[in-house]
Structures are given as structure tokens and as C-alpha cells.
Amino acid sequence: MMTVFEKLKTAARNQARYLRTRDEIARMPMDVAIDLGIYPGDAEAIARKAVYGN
């Protein structure tokens, strides 16, 4: 069973991963994004799904 401290650490780690992923997608050059089949404007949704799985 996770303690409150462990849950907070996990939440903070996930938030950092989300922010880093979102920022990297948003800054991605358009030609790279097109090659990968993503739209940088969807960076928030893509990062949320990648980190939290929703």
C-alpha cells in the first residue's frame, strides 16, 4: 500500500513528465511533427495520454 508521501512523489514525478513531454511536443519543428503524424497544437492532449494513459 502506498503512503501519502509516496503518492505525492508519484504525482510530482508524473506532473514533471507531463510538462516536459508537452513542452517538447509544442516546440517540435512542424516538418518533424508532420512526419510523426501529430499536430503540435494537440501537445496537451498527447502528453496527458502519454503520461496518465487517459
PDB file of N, CA and C in Angstrom:
ATOM      1  N   MET A   1       0.836  -1.184   0.000  1.00  0.00           N
ATOM      2  CA  MET A   1       0.000   0.000   0.000  1.00  0.00           C
ATOM      3  C   MET A   1       0.883   1.251   0.000  1.00  0.00           C
ATOM      4  N   MET A   2       0.540   2.210  -0.844  1.00  0.00           N
ATOM      5  CA  MET A   2       1.335   3.431  -0.950  1.00  0.00           C
ATOM      6  C   MET A   2       1.004   4.393   0.189  1.00  0.00           C
ATOM      7  N   THR A   3       2.049   4.999   0.727  1.00  0.00           N
ATOM      8  CA  THR A   3       1.835   6.016   1.743  1.00  0.00           C
ATOM      9  C   THR A   3       1.480   7.334   1.049  1.00  0.00           C
ATOM     10  N   VAL A   4       1.032   8.273   1.828  1.00  0.00           N
ATOM     11  CA  VAL A   4       0.689   9.588   1.291  1.00  0.00           C
ATOM     12  C   VAL A   4       1.922  10.226   0.658  1.00  0.00           C
ATOM     13  N   PHE A   5       3.073  10.060   1.313  1.00  0.00           N
ATOM     14  CA  PHE A   5       4.312  10.632   0.786  1.00  0.00           C
ATOM     15  C   PHE A   5       4.659  10.021  -0.570  1.00  0.00           C
ATOM     16  N   GLU A   6       4.512   8.711  -0.697  1.00  0.00           N
ATOM     17  CA  GLU A   6       4.798   8.047  -1.966  1.00  0.00           C
ATOM     18  C   GLU A   6       3.833   8.506  -3.062  1.00  0.00           C
ATOM     19  N   LYS A   7       2.580   8.708  -2.709  1.00  0.00           N
ATOM     20  CA  LYS A   7       1.590   9.190  -3.683  1.00  0.00           C
ATOM     21  C   LYS A   7       1.934  10.601  -4.154  1.00  0.00           C
ATOM     22  N   LEU A   8       2.376  11.437  -3.232  1.00  0.00           N
ATOM     23  CA  LEU A   8       2.769  12.798  -3.602  1.00  0.00           C
ATOM     24  C   LEU A   8       4.002  12.791  -4.501  1.00  0.00           C
ATOM     25  N   LYS A   9       4.973  11.933  -4.197  1.00  0.00           N
ATOM     26  CA  LYS A   9       6.160  11.828  -5.037  1.00  0.00           C
ATOM     27  C   LYS A   9       5.786  11.356  -6.440  1.00  0.00           C
ATOM     28  N   THR A  10       4.901  10.372  -6.526  1.00  0.00           N
ATOM     29  CA  THR A  10       4.474   9.862  -7.824  1.00  0.00           C
ATOM     30  C   THR A  10       3.734  10.939  -8.602  1.00  0.00           C
ATOM     31  N   ALA A  11       2.866  11.675  -7.932  1.00  0.00           N
ATOM     32  CA  ALA A  11       2.115  12.743  -8.593  1.00  0.00           C
ATOM     33  C   ALA A  11       3.058  13.833  -9.103  1.00  0.00           C
ATOM     34  N   ALA A  12       4.047  14.201  -8.298  1.00  0.00           N
ATOM     35  CA  ALA A  12       5.004  15.228  -8.709  1.00  0.00           C
ATOM     36  C   ALA A  12       5.843  14.743  -9.889  1.00  0.00           C
ATOM     37  N   ARG A  13       6.247  13.497  -9.864  1.00  0.00           N
ATOM     38  CA  ARG A  13       7.035  12.915 -10.960  1.00  0.00           C
ATOM     39  C   ARG A  13       6.219  12.898 -12.251  1.00  0.00           C
ATOM     40  N   ASN A  14       4.948  12.491 -12.145  1.00  0.00           N
ATOM     41  CA  ASN A  14       4.085  12.462 -13.323  1.00  0.00           C
ATOM     42  C   ASN A  14       3.846  13.866 -13.879  1.00  0.00           C
ATOM     43  N   GLN A  15       3.669  14.832 -12.992  1.00  0.00           N
ATOM     44  CA  GLN A  15       3.457  16.210 -13.437  1.00  0.00           C
ATOM     45  C   GLN A  15       4.681  16.720 -14.187  1.00  0.00           C
ATOM     46  N   ALA A  16       5.868  16.415 -13.678  1.00  0.00           N
ATOM     47  CA  ALA A  16       7.101  16.832 -14.349  1.00  0.00           C
ATOM     48  C   ALA A  16       7.214  16.165 -15.718  1.00  0.00           C
ATOM     49  N   ARG A  17       6.890  14.885 -15.803  1.00  0.00           N
ATOM     50  CA  ARG A  17       6.933  14.172 -17.086  1.00  0.00           C
ATOM     51  C   ARG A  17       5.927  14.781 -18.062  1.00  0.00           C
ATOM     52  N   TYR A  18       4.730  15.109 -17.562  1.00  0.00           N
ATOM     53  CA  TYR A  18       3.700  15.716 -18.412  1.00  0.00           C
ATOM     54  C   TYR A  18       4.183  17.048 -18.975  1.00  0.00           C
ATOM     55  N   LEU A  19       4.707  17.911 -18.110  1.00  0.00           N
ATOM     56  CA  LEU A  19       5.149  19.235 -18.550  1.00  0.00           C
ATOM     57  C   LEU A  19       6.295  19.142 -19.552  1.00  0.00           C
ATOM     58  N   ARG A  20       7.241  18.255 -19.279  1.00  0.00           N
ATOM     59  CA  ARG A  20       8.376  18.083 -20.186  1.00  0.00           C
ATOM     60  C   ARG A  20       7.916  17.568 -21.545  1.00  0.00           C
ATOM     61  N   THR A  21       7.028  16.574 -21.539  1.00  0.00           N
ATOM     62  CA  THR A  21       6.522  15.999 -22.789  1.00  0.00           C
ATOM     63  C   THR A  21       5.709  17.024 -23.566  1.00  0.00           C
ATOM     64  N   ARG A  22       4.837  17.754 -22.873  1.00  0.00           N
ATOM     65  CA  ARG A  22       4.017  18.781 -23.520  1.00  0.00           C
ATOM     66  C   ARG A  22       4.884  19.841 -24.178  1.00  0.00           C
ATOM     67  N   ASP A  23       5.898  20.303 -23.450  1.00  0.00           N
ATOM     68  CA  ASP A  23       6.768  21.350 -23.988  1.00  0.00           C
ATOM     69  C   ASP A  23       7.576  20.864 -25.185  1.00  0.00           C
ATOM     70  N   GLU A  24       8.059  19.635 -25.115  1.00  0.00           N
ATOM     71  CA  GLU A  24       8.830  19.105 -26.235  1.00  0.00           C
ATOM     72  C   GLU A  24       7.967  18.957 -27.491  1.00  0.00           C
ATOM     73  N   ILE A  25       6.743  18.513 -27.325  1.00  0.00           N
ATOM     74  CA  ILE A  25       5.845  18.376 -28.475  1.00  0.00           C
ATOM     75  C   ILE A  25       5.504  19.750 -29.042  1.00  0.00           C
ATOM     76  N   ALA A  26       5.225  20.702 -28.171  1.00  0.00           N
ATOM     77  CA  ALA A  26       4.851  22.047 -28.621  1.00  0.00           C
ATOM     78  C   ALA A  26       5.994  22.746 -29.372  1.00  0.00           C
ATOM     79  N   ARG A  27       7.244  22.457 -28.988  1.00  0.00           N
ATOM     80  CA  ARG A  27       8.396  23.091 -29.637  1.00  0.00           C
ATOM     81  C   ARG A  27       8.908  22.325 -30.848  1.00  0.00           C
ATOM     82  N   MET A  28       8.309  21.204 -31.134  1.00  0.00           N
ATOM     83  CA  MET A  28       8.774  20.357 -32.229  1.00  0.00           C
ATOM     84  C   MET A  28       8.633  21.086 -33.570  1.00  0.00           C
ATOM     85  N   PRO A  29       9.640  21.022 -34.415  1.00  0.00           N
ATOM     86  CA  PRO A  29       9.521  21.630 -35.743  1.00  0.00           C
ATOM     87  C   PRO A  29       8.358  20.995 -36.516  1.00  0.00           C
ATOM     88  N   MET A  30       7.668  21.807 -37.286  1.00  0.00           N
ATOM     89  CA  MET A  30       6.473  21.337 -37.980  1.00  0.00           C
ATOM     90  C   MET A  30       6.767  20.178 -38.926  1.00  0.00           C
ATOM     91  N   ASP A  31       7.916  20.186 -39.604  1.00  0.00           N
ATOM     92  CA  ASP A  31       8.204  19.093 -40.532  1.00  0.00           C
ATOM     93  C   ASP A  31       8.385  17.768 -39.798  1.00  0.00           C
ATOM     94  N   VAL A  32       8.969  17.805 -38.615  1.00  0.00           N
ATOM     95  CA  VAL A  32       9.113  16.584 -37.814  1.00  0.00           C
ATOM     96  C   VAL A  32       7.749  16.111 -37.327  1.00  0.00           C
ATOM     97  N   ALA A  33       6.926  17.053 -36.870  1.00  0.00           N
ATOM     98  CA  ALA A  33       5.586  16.701 -36.395  1.00  0.00           C
ATOM     99  C   ALA A  33       4.762  16.059 -37.511  1.00  0.00           C
ATOM    100  N   ILE A  34       4.853  16.621 -38.707  1.00  0.00           N
ATOM    101  CA  ILE A  34       4.111  16.059 -39.844  1.00  0.00           C
ATOM    102  C   ILE A  34       4.600  14.651 -40.141  1.00  0.00           C
ATOM    103  N   ASP A  35       5.911  14.453 -40.104  1.00  0.00           N
ATOM    104  CA  ASP A  35       6.460  13.112 -40.333  1.00  0.00           C
ATOM    105  C   ASP A  35       5.947  12.109 -39.302  1.00  0.00           C
ATOM    106  N   LEU A  36       5.752  12.569 -38.054  1.00  0.00           N
ATOM    107  CA  LEU A  36       5.280  11.691 -36.988  1.00  0.00           C
ATOM    108  C   LEU A  36       3.754  11.581 -36.957  1.00  0.00           C
ATOM    109  N   GLY A  37       3.091  12.402 -37.754  1.00  0.00           N
ATOM    110  CA  GLY A  37       1.635  12.360 -37.812  1.00  0.00           C
ATOM    111  C   GLY A  37       0.942  12.999 -36.630  1.00  0.00           C
ATOM    112  N   ILE A  38       1.573  14.024 -36.040  1.00  0.00           N
ATOM    113  CA  ILE A  38       0.954  14.724 -34.919  1.00  0.00           C
ATOM    114  C   ILE A  38       0.878  16.217 -35.209  1.00  0.00           C
ATOM    115  N   TYR A  39       0.002  16.888 -34.479  1.00  0.00           N
ATOM    116  CA  TYR A  39      -0.161  18.327 -34.598  1.00  0.00           C
ATOM    117  C   TYR A  39       0.303  18.944 -33.281  1.00  0.00           C
ATOM    118  N   PRO A  40       1.322  19.810 -33.295  1.00  0.00           N
ATOM    119  CA  PRO A  40       1.839  20.395 -32.052  1.00  0.00           C
ATOM    120  C   PRO A  40       0.782  21.122 -31.223  1.00  0.00           C
ATOM    121  N   GLY A  41      -0.292  21.567 -31.841  1.00  0.00           N
ATOM    122  CA  GLY A  41      -1.376  22.206 -31.098  1.00  0.00           C
ATOM    123  C   GLY A  41      -2.096  21.250 -30.165  1.00  0.00           C
ATOM    124  N   ASP A  42      -1.925  19.964 -30.397  1.00  0.00           N
ATOM    125  CA  ASP A  42      -2.530  18.941 -29.539  1.00  0.00           C
ATOM    126  C   ASP A  42      -1.557  18.461 -28.472  1.00  0.00           C
ATOM    127  N   ALA A  43      -0.535  19.239 -28.191  1.00  0.00           N
ATOM    128  CA  ALA A  43       0.524  18.822 -27.268  1.00  0.00           C
ATOM    129  C   ALA A  43      -0.031  18.453 -25.893  1.00  0.00           C
ATOM    130  N   GLU A  44      -0.985  19.211 -25.373  1.00  0.00           N
ATOM    131  CA  GLU A  44      -1.530  18.922 -24.047  1.00  0.00           C
ATOM    132  C   GLU A  44      -2.213  17.568 -24.012  1.00  0.00           C
ATOM    133  N   ALA A  45      -3.053  17.298 -25.000  1.00  0.00           N
ATOM    134  CA  ALA A  45      -3.781  16.029 -25.037  1.00  0.00           C
ATOM    135  C   ALA A  45      -2.836  14.849 -25.247  1.00  0.00           C
ATOM    136  N   ILE A  46      -1.862  15.017 -26.116  1.00  0.00           N
ATOM    137  CA  ILE A  46      -0.903  13.946 -26.401  1.00  0.00           C
ATOM    138  C   ILE A  46      -0.083  13.640 -25.139  1.00  0.00           C
ATOM    139  N   ALA A  47       0.406  14.673 -24.476  1.00  0.00           N
ATOM    140  CA  ALA A  47       1.211  14.478 -23.276  1.00  0.00           C
ATOM    141  C   ALA A  47       0.385  13.856 -22.153  1.00  0.00           C
ATOM    142  N   ARG A  48      -0.844  14.303 -21.991  1.00  0.00           N
ATOM    143  CA  ARG A  48      -1.713  13.746 -20.950  1.00  0.00           C
ATOM    144  C   ARG A  48      -1.934  12.257 -21.167  1.00  0.00           C
ATOM    145  N   LYS A  49      -2.191  11.884 -22.406  1.00  0.00           N
ATOM    146  CA  LYS A  49      -2.409  10.470 -22.710  1.00  0.00           C
ATOM    147  C   LYS A  49      -1.121   9.669 -22.521  1.00  0.00           C
ATOM    148  N   ALA A  50       0.018  10.235 -22.896  1.00  0.00           N
ATOM    149  CA  ALA A  50       1.296   9.527 -22.765  1.00  0.00           C
ATOM    150  C   ALA A  50       1.661   9.296 -21.302  1.00  0.00           C
ATOM    151  N   VAL A  51       1.384  10.262 -20.440  1.00  0.00           N
ATOM    152  CA  VAL A  51       1.791  10.163 -19.040  1.00  0.00           C
ATOM    153  C   VAL A  51       0.737   9.471 -18.187  1.00  0.00           C
ATOM    154  N   TYR A  52      -0.513   9.865 -18.360  1.00  0.00           N
ATOM    155  CA  TYR A  52      -1.571   9.366 -17.481  1.00  0.00           C
ATOM    156  C   TYR A  52      -2.396   8.242 -18.112  1.00  0.00           C
ATOM    157  N   GLY A  53      -2.251   8.073 -19.419  1.00  0.00           N
ATOM    158  CA  GLY A  53      -2.947   6.976 -20.079  1.00  0.00           C
ATOM    159  C   GLY A  53      -4.423   7.199 -20.327  1.00  0.00           C
ATOM    160  N   ASN A  54      -4.875   8.421 -20.223  1.00  0.00           N
ATOM    161  CA  ASN A  54      -6.318   8.685 -20.418  1.00  0.00           C
ATOM    162  C   ASN A  54      -6.577   9.176 -21.812  1.00  0.00           C
TER     163      ASN A  54
END
